[in-house]
């Protein structure tokens, strides 16, 4: 799945990505939107700056190959 190419990913803000990842978004929830939000959190670096849950979940999704490392980062 090319999450970075989705229209939803391109329109995300940090707040919206956190809302979708935590499950309090007013958006209609789909698996693709949730994964795009996690991809955004990793790409923007927010996953590593927020509370521990975000970093742990991001690492899990990265290790499972569900999302990709941020561009320019080491795998």
Foldseek 3Di string as FASTA:
>chain_A
DPLCPDPLLVPDDLVQLVCLCVVNDPDDDDPSNVLSSLLSCQQVVVLVVDDPVSVVVNVVCCVVVVHHHHPPDDD
